[in-house]
Protein backbone atom coordinates (compact mmCIF):
# COMPACT_ATOMS: atom_id res chain seq x y z
CA MET A 1 13.84 -15.97 30.91
CA LYS A 2 15.71 -15.26 27.49
CA LYS A 3 14.47 -12.35 25.53
CA ARG A 4 13.37 -13.23 21.64
CA TYR A 5 14.55 -10.83 19.16
CA LEU A 6 12.81 -10.66 15.63
CA LEU A 7 15.26 -9.49 12.84
CA SER A 8 12.89 -9.68 10.31
CA PRO A 9 11.41 -6.80 8.40
CA GLY A 10 8.02 -8.17 9.64
CA PRO A 11 6.54 -9.14 12.12
CA THR A 12 8.47 -6.91 14.15
CA PRO A 13 8.74 -7.03 17.94
CA VAL A 14 5.97 -5.43 19.79
CA PRO A 15 6.81 -2.93 22.31
CA GLU A 16 6.07 -3.96 26.02
CA ALA A 17 3.54 -1.02 26.71
CA ALA A 18 1.68 -2.12 23.74
CA LEU A 19 1.60 -5.84 24.84
CA LEU A 20 0.30 -4.83 28.45
CA THR A 21 -2.42 -2.77 26.96
CA MET A 22 -3.52 -5.71 24.90
CA ALA A 23 -4.15 -7.57 28.11
CA TYR A 24 -6.88 -5.11 29.14
CA PRO A 25 -10.48 -6.44 29.10
CA MET A 26 -12.12 -6.14 25.62
CA ILE A 27 -14.42 -3.34 24.92
CA HIS A 28 -17.47 -3.37 22.54
CA HIS A 29 -16.91 -1.71 19.08
CA ARG A 30 -20.32 0.29 19.18
CA THR A 31 -19.22 1.97 22.46
CA PRO A 32 -18.43 5.60 22.75
CA GLN A 33 -14.96 4.47 24.18
CA PHE A 34 -14.29 2.45 21.14
CA SER A 35 -15.36 5.51 18.84
CA ALA A 36 -13.04 7.82 20.67
CA ILE A 37 -10.06 5.65 20.10
CA PHE A 38 -10.96 4.75 16.49
CA ALA A 39 -11.23 8.50 15.61
CA GLU A 40 -8.06 9.30 17.39
CA ALA A 41 -6.12 6.32 15.54
CA LYS A 42 -7.55 7.79 12.00
CA GLU A 43 -6.29 11.16 12.73
CA ASP A 44 -2.94 9.80 13.78
CA LEU A 45 -2.68 7.55 10.55
CA LYS A 46 -3.18 10.88 8.43
CA TYR A 47 -0.10 12.16 10.37
CA LEU A 48 1.79 9.02 9.55
CA PHE A 49 0.63 8.82 5.94
CA GLN A 50 1.37 12.81 5.50
CA THR A 51 -2.17 13.23 3.83
CA LYS A 52 -5.33 15.06 4.38
CA ASN A 53 -7.14 12.30 2.95
CA ASP A 54 -8.87 9.61 5.17
CA VAL A 55 -6.79 6.49 5.85
CA LEU A 56 -8.91 3.24 6.04
CA ILE A 57 -8.39 0.45 8.71
CA LEU A 58 -8.89 -2.90 7.29
CA SER A 59 -8.85 -6.05 9.33
CA SER A 60 -6.58 -8.09 7.06
CA SER A 61 -2.82 -8.61 6.08
CA GLY A 62 -1.09 -6.17 3.99
CA THR A 63 -1.87 -8.27 0.89
CA GLY A 64 -5.40 -7.66 1.84
CA ALA A 65 -5.16 -4.08 1.29
CA MET A 66 -3.02 -4.75 -1.97
CA GLU A 67 -6.11 -6.87 -3.23
CA SER A 68 -8.71 -4.09 -2.14
CA ALA A 69 -6.75 -1.56 -4.15
CA VAL A 70 -7.13 -3.77 -7.19
CA THR A 71 -10.78 -4.82 -6.74
CA ASN A 72 -11.89 -1.37 -5.85
CA LEU A 73 -10.41 0.89 -8.30
CA PHE A 74 -10.12 -1.24 -11.63
CA SER A 75 -12.37 -3.11 -13.92
CA PRO A 76 -11.63 -6.49 -15.89
CA GLY A 77 -9.39 -5.70 -19.07
CA ASP A 78 -7.99 -2.57 -17.45
CA HIS A 79 -4.25 -2.27 -18.20
CA ALA A 80 -1.85 -2.61 -15.39
CA LEU A 81 2.01 -1.82 -15.24
CA VAL A 82 3.77 -4.01 -12.44
CA VAL A 83 7.13 -3.27 -11.37
CA ASN A 84 8.50 -6.68 -10.34
CA GLY A 85 11.72 -6.48 -8.62
CA GLY A 86 11.17 -9.05 -5.95
CA LYS A 87 8.53 -11.44 -4.24
CA PHE A 88 6.04 -8.73 -3.69
CA GLY A 89 6.45 -6.90 -7.00
CA GLU A 90 5.72 -10.50 -8.06
CA ARG A 91 2.43 -10.34 -5.82
CA TRP A 92 1.23 -7.24 -7.46
CA GLY A 93 1.43 -8.89 -10.66
CA LYS A 94 -0.47 -12.12 -9.69
CA LEU A 95 -3.29 -10.19 -7.91
CA CYS A 96 -3.74 -8.13 -11.00
CA GLU A 97 -3.91 -11.34 -13.43
CA ALA A 98 -6.11 -13.11 -10.86
CA TYR A 99 -8.76 -10.31 -11.34
CA GLY A 100 -8.31 -10.39 -15.07
CA LEU A 101 -6.39 -7.00 -15.62
CA LYS A 102 -4.32 -6.92 -18.86
CA THR A 103 -0.79 -6.83 -16.78
CA THR A 104 2.41 -5.81 -18.17
CA TRP A 105 5.24 -6.87 -16.25
CA LEU A 106 8.34 -4.55 -15.74
CA ASN A 107 10.89 -6.88 -14.56
CA VAL A 108 13.79 -5.47 -12.61
CA GLU A 109 17.00 -7.48 -11.62
CA TRP A 110 16.70 -8.42 -7.86
CA GLY A 111 18.68 -6.05 -5.90
CA LYS A 112 18.04 -3.22 -8.19
CA ALA A 113 15.90 -0.20 -8.18
CA VAL A 114 13.58 0.43 -11.12
CA LYS A 115 14.56 3.37 -13.38
CA PRO A 116 11.94 6.24 -13.63
CA LYS A 117 12.69 6.39 -17.41
CA ASP A 118 11.68 2.76 -17.95
CA ILE A 119 8.28 3.81 -16.20
CA GLU A 120 8.27 6.65 -18.45
CA ASP A 121 8.80 4.83 -21.76
CA ALA A 122 6.24 2.06 -20.70
CA LEU A 123 3.41 4.66 -20.15
CA ASN A 124 4.45 6.39 -23.47
CA LYS A 125 4.30 2.95 -25.32
CA ASP A 126 0.81 1.93 -23.66
CA LYS A 127 -1.32 5.15 -23.51
CA ASP A 128 -4.11 3.03 -22.05
CA ILE A 129 -2.43 1.94 -18.83
CA LYS A 130 -4.82 2.81 -16.01
CA GLY A 131 -2.56 1.63 -12.88
CA VAL A 132 1.22 1.51 -12.05
CA PHE A 133 1.69 -0.77 -9.12
CA ILE A 134 5.18 -0.71 -7.13
CA GLN A 135 6.60 -1.36 -3.87
CA GLY A 136 8.09 1.63 -1.78
CA ASN A 137 10.42 -0.70 -0.34
CA GLU A 138 10.70 -4.29 -1.60
CA SER A 139 10.91 -6.50 1.63
CA SER A 140 12.30 -9.32 -0.20
CA THR A 141 15.57 -7.46 -1.46
CA THR A 142 15.49 -4.37 0.72
CA VAL A 143 15.67 -2.17 -2.21
CA SER A 144 13.77 1.03 -2.29
CA HIS A 145 12.21 2.21 -5.57
CA PRO A 146 12.26 6.16 -6.55
CA VAL A 147 8.61 6.50 -5.63
CA LYS A 148 8.96 10.45 -5.63
CA GLU A 149 10.42 10.59 -9.23
CA ILE A 150 7.75 7.98 -10.40
CA ALA A 151 4.98 10.00 -8.87
CA GLU A 152 6.07 13.07 -10.84
CA ILE A 153 5.51 10.89 -14.01
CA VAL A 154 2.35 9.22 -13.25
CA LYS A 155 0.45 12.29 -11.86
CA LYS A 156 0.86 13.92 -15.37
CA ARG A 157 -1.88 11.20 -16.65
CA ASP A 158 -5.20 11.78 -15.54
CA ASN A 159 -6.50 8.37 -16.47
CA THR A 160 -3.61 6.39 -14.50
CA LEU A 161 -3.43 5.64 -10.95
CA PHE A 162 -0.16 5.27 -8.74
CA VAL A 163 -0.51 2.42 -6.25
CA VAL A 164 2.37 2.18 -3.76
CA ASP A 165 2.91 -0.85 -1.50
CA GLY A 166 4.48 1.09 1.38
CA ILE A 167 4.22 -1.85 3.96
CA THR A 168 7.85 -1.81 4.69
CA ALA A 169 8.44 1.88 3.82
CA ILE A 170 6.00 3.73 5.89
CA GLY A 171 7.38 4.56 9.37
CA VAL A 172 10.80 4.16 7.87
CA TYR A 173 11.28 6.29 4.92
CA ASP A 174 9.81 9.65 4.36
CA MET A 175 6.89 9.07 1.99
CA PRO A 176 4.75 12.10 2.01
CA MET A 177 1.43 10.92 0.11
CA ASP A 178 0.11 14.46 -0.64
CA LYS A 179 3.43 16.25 -1.38
CA TRP A 180 4.66 13.56 -3.82
CA GLY A 181 1.14 12.97 -5.50
CA ILE A 182 0.81 9.23 -4.59
CA ASP A 183 -2.58 8.22 -5.38
CA VAL A 184 -3.01 5.01 -3.31
CA LEU A 185 -0.87 4.13 -0.39
CA ILE A 186 -0.77 1.06 1.72
CA THR A 187 0.84 -0.19 4.97
CA GLY A 188 0.44 -2.94 7.32
CA SER A 189 0.44 -3.08 11.23
CA GLN A 190 3.39 -5.48 11.66
CA LYS A 191 6.24 -3.79 10.03
CA ALA A 192 7.53 -0.29 11.26
CA LEU A 193 4.53 0.32 13.35
CA MET A 194 5.57 -2.53 15.63
CA LEU A 195 1.87 -3.89 16.13
CA PRO A 196 0.79 -7.24 15.97
CA PRO A 197 -0.18 -8.63 12.57
CA GLY A 198 -3.94 -8.31 11.47
CA LEU A 199 -4.56 -4.81 10.56
CA ALA A 200 -3.80 -3.03 7.02
CA PHE A 201 -4.19 0.79 6.19
CA ILE A 202 -4.88 2.35 2.83
CA SER A 203 -5.51 5.93 1.53
CA LEU A 204 -6.90 7.09 -1.66
CA ASN A 205 -6.54 10.58 -2.97
CA ASP A 206 -9.32 12.23 -4.80
CA LYS A 207 -8.28 11.03 -8.04
CA ALA A 208 -8.32 7.56 -6.85
CA TRP A 209 -11.76 8.00 -5.29
CA LYS A 210 -13.15 8.71 -8.85
CA PHE A 211 -11.90 5.40 -10.03
CA THR A 212 -14.02 3.72 -7.53
CA GLU A 213 -17.24 5.05 -9.14
CA THR A 214 -16.41 3.24 -12.41
CA ALA A 215 -14.74 0.03 -11.11
CA LYS A 216 -16.52 -3.33 -11.94
CA LEU A 217 -14.40 -6.03 -10.41
CA PRO A 218 -16.16 -8.55 -8.19
CA ARG A 219 -15.98 -7.87 -4.50
CA PHE A 220 -18.00 -8.61 -1.32
CA TYR A 221 -16.07 -7.72 1.83
């Protein structure tokens, strides 16, 4: 039998050990056995995200985690600054617009990284911006944005969150959430973690959790 090789950024090949483990009989999610596995996974995710904050596990695609960041942190009419340097930057913008956020698009030539100065200028021009949305790595172009430098700019503003889609970055690039001051960080199971699609992970710092107390966008699940 010929081996299949996936050379896309995701889904990525799942290691044989993980595939064989998936063949084990199903266990119930309300048993001590599952609780122990779940607790271990949550602690290991903190290590991966390099954070002391909880990492939430969602049964969704990465886009589901992106959407949850919008719906649980913002309110209709809030001002969002979206870095659009590829298909997934474009997705941030479409999500924000779909939920009625006032969306400013910072368009970047595909294949180029955004300049931190452009972020700073946009924030100085519009003091009411409540969220800066970006990809740690733009999957459609392979470009990595200067997350560390942008985090330094955004964290000076108490009323602005820095929301990073790290779906093709976490596990590939060093992206220490706490050290850099990233407010919201997202990844998915099917990229560098080499797991089947279907899980997403999101972590919020204390600043972001405060935004959840006033967010008024509609949400159910």
